Amino acid sequence: RTRNYGPTLAGEEWTRDQYHNLISLRLLYVLN
């Protein structure tokens, strides 16, 4: 996603691109 933020009380606006950041902890049971 690309998101626009603001305006703040000071009138500031900015744009940021968004990305997933993920850590997974899993159990695996292997067959065959």
PDB file of all heavy atoms in Angstrom:
ATOM      1  N   ARG A   1       0.848  -1.197   0.000  1.00  0.00           N
ATOM      2  CA  ARG A   1       0.000   0.000   0.000  1.00  0.00           C
ATOM      3  C   ARG A   1       0.882   1.245   0.000  1.00  0.00           C
ATOM      4  O   ARG A   1       1.993   1.227   0.537  1.00  0.00           O
ATOM      5  CB  ARG A   1      -0.904   0.029   1.236  1.00  0.00           C
ATOM      6  CG  ARG A   1      -1.819   1.240   1.334  1.00  0.00           C
ATOM      7  CD  ARG A   1      -2.577   1.265   2.647  1.00  0.00           C
ATOM      8  NE  ARG A   1      -3.473   2.404   2.734  1.00  0.00           N
ATOM      9  CZ  ARG A   1      -4.218   2.707   3.794  1.00  0.00           C
ATOM     10  NH1 ARG A   1      -4.178   1.930   4.872  1.00  0.00           N
ATOM     11  NH2 ARG A   1      -5.012   3.767   3.796  1.00  0.00           N
ATOM     12  N   THR A   2       0.398   2.324  -0.587  1.00  0.00           N
ATOM     13  CA  THR A   2       1.002   3.648  -0.439  1.00  0.00           C
ATOM     14  C   THR A   2      -0.011   4.527   0.283  1.00  0.00           C
ATOM     15  O   THR A   2      -1.154   4.664  -0.168  1.00  0.00           O
ATOM     16  CB  THR A   2       1.359   4.260  -1.803  1.00  0.00           C
ATOM     17  OG1 THR A   2       2.332   3.437  -2.443  1.00  0.00           O
ATOM     18  CG2 THR A   2       1.938   5.658  -1.618  1.00  0.00           C
ATOM     19  N   ARG A   3       0.415   5.122   1.402  1.00  0.00           N
ATOM     20  CA  ARG A   3      -0.533   5.882   2.221  1.00  0.00           C
ATOM     21  C   ARG A   3      -0.048   7.302   2.443  1.00  0.00           C
ATOM     22  O   ARG A   3       1.140   7.541   2.681  1.00  0.00           O
ATOM     23  CB  ARG A   3      -0.737   5.196   3.576  1.00  0.00           C
ATOM     24  CG  ARG A   3      -1.712   5.948   4.472  1.00  0.00           C
ATOM     25  CD  ARG A   3      -2.140   5.143   5.665  1.00  0.00           C
ATOM     26  NE  ARG A   3      -3.047   5.919   6.492  1.00  0.00           N
ATOM     27  CZ  ARG A   3      -3.650   5.477   7.595  1.00  0.00           C
ATOM     28  NH1 ARG A   3      -3.421   4.223   7.988  1.00  0.00           N
ATOM     29  NH2 ARG A   3      -4.448   6.244   8.296  1.00  0.00           N
ATOM     30  N   ASN A   4      -0.986   8.220   2.391  1.00  0.00           N
ATOM     31  CA  ASN A   4      -0.727   9.629   2.681  1.00  0.00           C
ATOM     32  C   ASN A   4      -1.097   9.924   4.133  1.00  0.00           C
ATOM     33  O   ASN A   4      -2.174   9.530   4.588  1.00  0.00           O
ATOM     34  CB  ASN A   4      -1.527  10.534   1.753  1.00  0.00           C
ATOM     35  CG  ASN A   4      -1.178  10.329   0.289  1.00  0.00           C
ATOM     36  OD1 ASN A   4      -0.013  10.183  -0.052  1.00  0.00           O
ATOM     37  ND2 ASN A   4      -2.186  10.295  -0.575  1.00  0.00           N
ATOM     38  N   TYR A   5      -0.210  10.608   4.851  1.00  0.00           N
ATOM     39  CA  TYR A   5      -0.436  10.974   6.249  1.00  0.00           C
ATOM     40  C   TYR A   5      -0.529  12.492   6.373  1.00  0.00           C
ATOM     41  O   TYR A   5       0.106  13.228   5.624  1.00  0.00           O
ATOM     42  CB  TYR A   5       0.705  10.463   7.134  1.00  0.00           C
ATOM     43  CG  TYR A   5       0.720   8.965   7.290  1.00  0.00           C
ATOM     44  CD1 TYR A   5       1.456   8.166   6.421  1.00  0.00           C
ATOM     45  CD2 TYR A   5       0.000   8.349   8.292  1.00  0.00           C
ATOM     46  CE1 TYR A   5       1.479   6.788   6.560  1.00  0.00           C
ATOM     47  CE2 TYR A   5       0.011   6.962   8.450  1.00  0.00           C
ATOM     48  CZ  TYR A   5       0.756   6.195   7.579  1.00  0.00           C
ATOM     49  OH  TYR A   5       0.767   4.840   7.719  1.00  0.00           O
ATOM     50  N   GLY A   6      -1.294  12.933   7.386  1.00  0.00           N
ATOM     51  CA  GLY A   6      -1.462  14.359   7.633  1.00  0.00           C
ATOM     52  C   GLY A   6      -2.759  14.880   7.039  1.00  0.00           C
ATOM     53  O   GLY A   6      -3.585  14.109   6.545  1.00  0.00           O
ATOM     54  N   PRO A   7      -2.970  16.183   7.061  1.00  0.00           N
ATOM     55  CA  PRO A   7      -2.003  17.158   7.611  1.00  0.00           C
ATOM     56  C   PRO A   7      -2.037  17.205   9.136  1.00  0.00           C
ATOM     57  O   PRO A   7      -3.067  16.959   9.747  1.00  0.00           O
ATOM     58  CB  PRO A   7      -2.488  18.481   7.011  1.00  0.00           C
ATOM     59  CG  PRO A   7      -3.967  18.284   6.842  1.00  0.00           C
ATOM     60  CD  PRO A   7      -4.151  16.834   6.482  1.00  0.00           C
ATOM     61  N   THR A   8      -0.886  17.503   9.738  1.00  0.00           N
ATOM     62  CA  THR A   8      -0.791  17.700  11.172  1.00  0.00           C
ATOM     63  C   THR A   8      -1.231  19.117  11.532  1.00  0.00           C
ATOM     64  O   THR A   8      -1.594  19.911  10.653  1.00  0.00           O
ATOM     65  CB  THR A   8       0.657  17.469  11.644  1.00  0.00           C
ATOM     66  OG1 THR A   8       1.507  18.468  11.041  1.00  0.00           O
ATOM     67  CG2 THR A   8       1.157  16.092  11.222  1.00  0.00           C
ATOM     68  N   LEU A   9      -1.201  19.420  12.819  1.00  0.00           N
ATOM     69  CA  LEU A   9      -1.551  20.776  13.259  1.00  0.00           C
ATOM     70  C   LEU A   9      -0.608  21.805  12.661  1.00  0.00           C
ATOM     71  O   LEU A   9      -0.979  22.972  12.452  1.00  0.00           O
ATOM     72  CB  LEU A   9      -1.518  20.858  14.789  1.00  0.00           C
ATOM     73  CG  LEU A   9      -2.579  20.014  15.523  1.00  0.00           C
ATOM     74  CD1 LEU A   9      -2.385  20.115  17.028  1.00  0.00           C
ATOM     75  CD2 LEU A   9      -3.987  20.443  15.127  1.00  0.00           C
ATOM     76  N   ALA A  10       0.628  21.360  12.354  1.00  0.00           N
ATOM     77  CA  ALA A  10       1.600  22.273  11.742  1.00  0.00           C
ATOM     78  C   ALA A  10       1.476  22.303  10.214  1.00  0.00           C
ATOM     79  O   ALA A  10       2.261  22.961   9.540  1.00  0.00           O
ATOM     80  CB  ALA A  10       3.016  21.870  12.130  1.00  0.00           C
ATOM     81  N   GLY A  11       0.484  21.541   9.681  1.00  0.00           N
ATOM     82  CA  GLY A  11       0.276  21.535   8.251  1.00  0.00           C
ATOM     83  C   GLY A  11       1.171  20.589   7.482  1.00  0.00           C
ATOM     84  O   GLY A  11       1.237  20.664   6.251  1.00  0.00           O
ATOM     85  N   GLU A  12       1.845  19.660   8.172  1.00  0.00           N
ATOM     86  CA  GLU A  12       2.767  18.729   7.509  1.00  0.00           C
ATOM     87  C   GLU A  12       2.013  17.544   6.917  1.00  0.00           C
ATOM     88  O   GLU A  12       1.075  17.018   7.522  1.00  0.00           O
ATOM     89  CB  GLU A  12       3.811  18.223   8.508  1.00  0.00           C
ATOM     90  CG  GLU A  12       4.717  19.314   9.070  1.00  0.00           C
ATOM     91  CD  GLU A  12       5.682  18.773  10.112  1.00  0.00           C
ATOM     92  OE1 GLU A  12       5.370  17.714  10.704  1.00  0.00           O
ATOM     93  OE2 GLU A  12       6.726  19.389  10.319  1.00  0.00           O
ATOM     94  N   GLU A  13       2.430  17.124   5.741  1.00  0.00           N
ATOM     95  CA  GLU A  13       1.903  15.940   5.083  1.00  0.00           C
ATOM     96  C   GLU A  13       3.062  15.109   4.547  1.00  0.00           C
ATOM     97  O   GLU A  13       4.095  15.656   4.167  1.00  0.00           O
ATOM     98  CB  GLU A  13       0.972  16.333   3.929  1.00  0.00           C
ATOM     99  CG  GLU A  13      -0.274  17.084   4.366  1.00  0.00           C
ATOM    100  CD  GLU A  13      -1.221  17.339   3.194  1.00  0.00           C
ATOM    101  OE1 GLU A  13      -1.261  16.480   2.276  1.00  0.00           O
ATOM    102  OE2 GLU A  13      -1.891  18.375   3.196  1.00  0.00           O
ATOM    103  N   TRP A  14       2.888  13.772   4.515  1.00  0.00           N
ATOM    104  CA  TRP A  14       3.931  12.906   3.976  1.00  0.00           C
ATOM    105  C   TRP A  14       3.307  11.612   3.439  1.00  0.00           C
ATOM    106  O   TRP A  14       2.158  11.281   3.764  1.00  0.00           O
ATOM    107  CB  TRP A  14       4.994  12.599   5.027  1.00  0.00           C
ATOM    108  CG  TRP A  14       4.532  11.818   6.217  1.00  0.00           C
ATOM    109  CD1 TRP A  14       4.669  10.474   6.424  1.00  0.00           C
ATOM    110  CD2 TRP A  14       3.854  12.327   7.378  1.00  0.00           C
ATOM    111  NE1 TRP A  14       4.133  10.114   7.634  1.00  0.00           N
ATOM    112  CE2 TRP A  14       3.627  11.233   8.243  1.00  0.00           C
ATOM    113  CE3 TRP A  14       3.427  13.597   7.785  1.00  0.00           C
ATOM    114  CZ2 TRP A  14       2.985  11.359   9.463  1.00  0.00           C
ATOM    115  CZ3 TRP A  14       2.776  13.743   8.997  1.00  0.00           C
ATOM    116  CH2 TRP A  14       2.567  12.633   9.825  1.00  0.00           C
ATOM    117  N   THR A  15       4.064  10.925   2.611  1.00  0.00           N
ATOM    118  CA  THR A  15       3.614   9.691   1.961  1.00  0.00           C
ATOM    119  C   THR A  15       4.607   8.580   2.255  1.00  0.00           C
ATOM    120  O   THR A  15       5.814   8.791   2.203  1.00  0.00           O
ATOM    121  CB  THR A  15       3.486   9.885   0.443  1.00  0.00           C
ATOM    122  OG1 THR A  15       2.552  10.934   0.180  1.00  0.00           O
ATOM    123  CG2 THR A  15       3.014   8.604  -0.229  1.00  0.00           C
ATOM    124  N   ARG A  16       4.089   7.366   2.545  1.00  0.00           N
ATOM    125  CA  ARG A  16       4.963   6.227   2.827  1.00  0.00           C
ATOM    126  C   ARG A  16       4.441   4.974   2.138  1.00  0.00           C
ATOM    127  O   ARG A  16       3.231   4.696   2.133  1.00  0.00           O
ATOM    128  CB  ARG A  16       5.065   5.972   4.333  1.00  0.00           C
ATOM    129  CG  ARG A  16       5.708   7.105   5.122  1.00  0.00           C
ATOM    130  CD  ARG A  16       6.118   6.659   6.501  1.00  0.00           C
ATOM    131  NE  ARG A  16       7.190   5.676   6.450  1.00  0.00           N
ATOM    132  CZ  ARG A  16       7.719   5.104   7.538  1.00  0.00           C
ATOM    133  NH1 ARG A  16       7.264   5.418   8.734  1.00  0.00           N
ATOM    134  NH2 ARG A  16       8.694   4.230   7.416  1.00  0.00           N
ATOM    135  N   ASP A  17       5.377   4.210   1.556  1.00  0.00           N
ATOM    136  CA  ASP A  17       5.051   2.881   1.036  1.00  0.00           C
ATOM    137  C   ASP A  17       5.099   1.882   2.186  1.00  0.00           C
ATOM    138  O   ASP A  17       5.939   1.992   3.092  1.00  0.00           O
ATOM    139  CB  ASP A  17       6.047   2.468  -0.052  1.00  0.00           C
ATOM    140  CG  ASP A  17       5.926   3.321  -1.296  1.00  0.00           C
ATOM    141  OD1 ASP A  17       4.827   3.877  -1.542  1.00  0.00           O
ATOM    142  OD2 ASP A  17       6.933   3.452  -2.020  1.00  0.00           O
ATOM    143  N   GLN A  18       4.220   0.880   2.154  1.00  0.00           N
ATOM    144  CA  GLN A  18       4.108  -0.074   3.251  1.00  0.00           C
ATOM    145  C   GLN A  18       4.472  -1.483   2.789  1.00  0.00           C
ATOM    146  O   GLN A  18       4.147  -1.887   1.663  1.00  0.00           O
ATOM    147  CB  GLN A  18       2.693  -0.051   3.826  1.00  0.00           C
ATOM    148  CG  GLN A  18       2.322   1.302   4.431  1.00  0.00           C
ATOM    149  CD  GLN A  18       0.949   1.315   5.065  1.00  0.00           C
ATOM    150  OE1 GLN A  18       0.171   0.376   4.927  1.00  0.00           O
ATOM    151  NE2 GLN A  18       0.655   2.377   5.781  1.00  0.00           N
ATOM    152  N   TYR A  19       5.144  -2.226   3.707  1.00  0.00           N
ATOM    153  CA  TYR A  19       5.629  -3.567   3.405  1.00  0.00           C
ATOM    154  C   TYR A  19       5.412  -4.476   4.619  1.00  0.00           C
ATOM    155  O   TYR A  19       5.581  -4.045   5.761  1.00  0.00           O
ATOM    156  CB  TYR A  19       7.129  -3.559   3.080  1.00  0.00           C
ATOM    157  CG  TYR A  19       7.504  -2.674   1.917  1.00  0.00           C
ATOM    158  CD1 TYR A  19       7.740  -1.313   2.108  1.00  0.00           C
ATOM    159  CD2 TYR A  19       7.636  -3.193   0.634  1.00  0.00           C
ATOM    160  CE1 TYR A  19       8.092  -0.488   1.049  1.00  0.00           C
ATOM    161  CE2 TYR A  19       7.993  -2.390  -0.430  1.00  0.00           C
ATOM    162  CZ  TYR A  19       8.211  -1.032  -0.220  1.00  0.00           C
ATOM    163  OH  TYR A  19       8.562  -0.221  -1.274  1.00  0.00           O
ATOM    164  N   HIS A  20       5.073  -5.737   4.369  1.00  0.00           N
ATOM    165  CA  HIS A  20       4.973  -6.712   5.452  1.00  0.00           C
ATOM    166  C   HIS A  20       6.371  -7.069   5.973  1.00  0.00           C
ATOM    167  O   HIS A  20       7.320  -7.213   5.202  1.00  0.00           O
ATOM    168  CB  HIS A  20       4.292  -7.990   4.968  1.00  0.00           C
ATOM    169  CG  HIS A  20       2.807  -7.882   4.860  1.00  0.00           C
ATOM    170  ND1 HIS A  20       2.000  -7.521   5.914  1.00  0.00           N
ATOM    171  CD2 HIS A  20       1.972  -8.109   3.806  1.00  0.00           C
ATOM    172  CE1 HIS A  20       0.747  -7.527   5.533  1.00  0.00           C
ATOM    173  NE2 HIS A  20       0.689  -7.870   4.263  1.00  0.00           N
ATOM    174  N   ASN A  21       6.463  -7.241   7.295  1.00  0.00           N
ATOM    175  CA  ASN A  21       7.697  -7.641   7.972  1.00  0.00           C
ATOM    176  C   ASN A  21       7.293  -8.708   8.979  1.00  0.00           C
ATOM    177  O   ASN A  21       6.574  -8.419   9.940  1.00  0.00           O
ATOM    178  CB  ASN A  21       8.318  -6.424   8.651  1.00  0.00           C
ATOM    179  CG  ASN A  21       9.753  -6.664   9.072  1.00  0.00           C
ATOM    180  OD1 ASN A  21      10.232  -7.794   9.081  1.00  0.00           O
ATOM    181  ND2 ASN A  21      10.453  -5.616   9.440  1.00  0.00           N
ATOM    182  N   LEU A  22       7.754  -9.948   8.791  1.00  0.00           N
ATOM    183  CA  LEU A  22       7.131 -11.083   9.472  1.00  0.00           C
ATOM    184  C   LEU A  22       8.153 -12.071  10.002  1.00  0.00           C
ATOM    185  O   LEU A  22       9.111 -12.426   9.314  1.00  0.00           O
ATOM    186  CB  LEU A  22       6.203 -11.796   8.469  1.00  0.00           C
ATOM    187  CG  LEU A  22       5.354 -12.952   8.958  1.00  0.00           C
ATOM    188  CD1 LEU A  22       4.220 -12.437   9.832  1.00  0.00           C
ATOM    189  CD2 LEU A  22       4.780 -13.707   7.760  1.00  0.00           C
ATOM    190  N   ILE A  23       7.936 -12.533  11.252  1.00  0.00           N
ATOM    191  CA  ILE A  23       8.706 -13.620  11.852  1.00  0.00           C
ATOM    192  C   ILE A  23       7.726 -14.726  12.202  1.00  0.00           C
ATOM    193  O   ILE A  23       6.713 -14.486  12.862  1.00  0.00           O
ATOM    194  CB  ILE A  23       9.457 -13.154  13.102  1.00  0.00           C
ATOM    195  CG1 ILE A  23      10.469 -12.053  12.757  1.00  0.00           C
ATOM    196  CG2 ILE A  23      10.172 -14.332  13.764  1.00  0.00           C
ATOM    197  CD1 ILE A  23      11.127 -11.427  13.971  1.00  0.00           C
ATOM    198  N   SER A  24       8.031 -15.956  11.771  1.00  0.00           N
ATOM    199  CA  SER A  24       7.158 -17.099  12.026  1.00  0.00           C
ATOM    200  C   SER A  24       7.904 -18.159  12.830  1.00  0.00           C
ATOM    201  O   SER A  24       9.065 -18.452  12.554  1.00  0.00           O
ATOM    202  CB  SER A  24       6.665 -17.721  10.710  1.00  0.00           C
ATOM    203  OG  SER A  24       6.010 -16.769   9.906  1.00  0.00           O
ATOM    204  N   LEU A  25       7.215 -18.736  13.817  1.00  0.00           N
ATOM    205  CA  LEU A  25       7.731 -19.862  14.596  1.00  0.00           C
ATOM    206  C   LEU A  25       6.764 -21.014  14.399  1.00  0.00           C
ATOM    207  O   LEU A  25       5.592 -20.924  14.772  1.00  0.00           O
ATOM    208  CB  LEU A  25       7.860 -19.503  16.075  1.00  0.00           C
ATOM    209  CG  LEU A  25       8.387 -20.606  17.000  1.00  0.00           C
ATOM    210  CD1 LEU A  25       9.799 -20.999  16.602  1.00  0.00           C
ATOM    211  CD2 LEU A  25       8.358 -20.160  18.456  1.00  0.00           C
ATOM    212  N   ARG A  26       7.281 -22.123  13.787  1.00  0.00           N
ATOM    213  CA  ARG A  26       6.384 -23.192  13.371  1.00  0.00           C
ATOM    214  C   ARG A  26       6.907 -24.563  13.803  1.00  0.00           C
ATOM    215  O   ARG A  26       8.093 -24.750  14.025  1.00  0.00           O
ATOM    216  CB  ARG A  26       6.218 -23.165  11.846  1.00  0.00           C
ATOM    217  CG  ARG A  26       6.002 -21.772  11.275  1.00  0.00           C
ATOM    218  CD  ARG A  26       5.697 -21.788   9.800  1.00  0.00           C
ATOM    219  NE  ARG A  26       6.723 -22.463   9.019  1.00  0.00           N
ATOM    220  CZ  ARG A  26       6.584 -22.799   7.733  1.00  0.00           C
ATOM    221  NH1 ARG A  26       5.460 -22.519   7.111  1.00  0.00           N
ATOM    222  NH2 ARG A  26       7.561 -23.399   7.074  1.00  0.00           N
ATOM    223  N   LEU A  27       5.978 -25.514  13.892  1.00  0.00           N
ATOM    224  CA  LEU A  27       6.315 -26.918  14.073  1.00  0.00           C
ATOM    225  C   LEU A  27       6.039 -27.634  12.754  1.00  0.00           C
ATOM    226  O   LEU A  27       4.983 -27.445  12.147  1.00  0.00           O
ATOM    227  CB  LEU A  27       5.487 -27.543  15.191  1.00  0.00           C
ATOM    228  CG  LEU A  27       5.855 -27.156  16.623  1.00  0.00           C
ATOM    229  CD1 LEU A  27       4.874 -27.799  17.597  1.00  0.00           C
ATOM    230  CD2 LEU A  27       7.278 -27.570  16.963  1.00  0.00           C
ATOM    231  N   LEU A  28       6.991 -28.478  12.327  1.00  0.00           N
ATOM    232  CA  LEU A  28       6.860 -29.240  11.099  1.00  0.00           C
ATOM    233  C   LEU A  28       6.916 -30.728  11.422  1.00  0.00           C
ATOM    234  O   LEU A  28       7.827 -31.179  12.118  1.00  0.00           O
ATOM    235  CB  LEU A  28       7.992 -28.897  10.119  1.00  0.00           C
ATOM    236  CG  LEU A  28       8.295 -27.422   9.864  1.00  0.00           C
ATOM    237  CD1 LEU A  28       9.462 -27.303   8.888  1.00  0.00           C
ATOM    238  CD2 LEU A  28       7.074 -26.696   9.330  1.00  0.00           C
ATOM    239  N   TYR A  29       5.945 -31.475  10.923  1.00  0.00           N
ATOM    240  CA  TYR A  29       6.003 -32.928  11.056  1.00  0.00           C
ATOM    241  C   TYR A  29       6.157 -33.507   9.654  1.00  0.00           C
ATOM    242  O   TYR A  29       5.300 -33.313   8.784  1.00  0.00           O
ATOM    243  CB  TYR A  29       4.751 -33.489  11.727  1.00  0.00           C
ATOM    244  CG  TYR A  29       4.888 -34.959  12.054  1.00  0.00           C
ATOM    245  CD1 TYR A  29       5.559 -35.361  13.198  1.00  0.00           C
ATOM    246  CD2 TYR A  29       4.378 -35.932  11.198  1.00  0.00           C
ATOM    247  CE1 TYR A  29       5.720 -36.706  13.495  1.00  0.00           C
ATOM    248  CE2 TYR A  29       4.532 -37.275  11.482  1.00  0.00           C
ATOM    249  CZ  TYR A  29       5.210 -37.656  12.640  1.00  0.00           C
ATOM    250  OH  TYR A  29       5.372 -38.985  12.928  1.00  0.00           O
ATOM    251  N   VAL A  30       7.279 -34.199   9.429  1.00  0.00           N
ATOM    252  CA  VAL A  30       7.638 -34.683   8.095  1.00  0.00           C
ATOM    253  C   VAL A  30       7.143 -36.111   7.910  1.00  0.00           C
ATOM    254  O   VAL A  30       7.424 -36.998   8.723  1.00  0.00           O
ATOM    255  CB  VAL A  30       9.162 -34.612   7.882  1.00  0.00           C
ATOM    256  CG1 VAL A  30       9.516 -35.029   6.460  1.00  0.00           C
ATOM    257  CG2 VAL A  30       9.677 -33.212   8.173  1.00  0.00           C
ATOM    258  N   LEU A  31       6.412 -36.333   6.814  1.00  0.00           N
ATOM    259  CA  LEU A  31       5.878 -37.653   6.479  1.00  0.00           C
ATOM    260  C   LEU A  31       6.733 -38.302   5.391  1.00  0.00           C
ATOM    261  O   LEU A  31       7.350 -37.616   4.577  1.00  0.00           O
ATOM    262  CB  LEU A  31       4.439 -37.514   5.990  1.00  0.00           C
ATOM    263  CG  LEU A  31       3.461 -36.767   6.914  1.00  0.00           C
ATOM    264  CD1 LEU A  31       2.143 -36.547   6.201  1.00  0.00           C
ATOM    265  CD2 LEU A  31       3.252 -37.530   8.211  1.00  0.00           C
ATOM    266  N   ASN A  32       6.749 -39.619   5.374  1.00  0.00           N
ATOM    267  CA  ASN A  32       7.427 -40.388   4.329  1.00  0.00           C
ATOM    268  C   ASN A  32       8.927 -40.091   4.273  1.00  0.00           C
ATOM    269  O   ASN A  32       9.540 -40.099   3.217  1.00  0.00           O
ATOM    270  CB  ASN A  32       6.797 -40.091   2.956  1.00  0.00           C
ATOM    271  CG  ASN A  32       7.102 -41.160   1.936  1.00  0.00           C
ATOM    272  OD1 ASN A  32       7.213 -42.331   2.273  1.00  0.00           O
ATOM    273  ND2 ASN A  32       7.245 -40.760   0.685  1.00  0.00           N
TER     274      ASN A  32
END
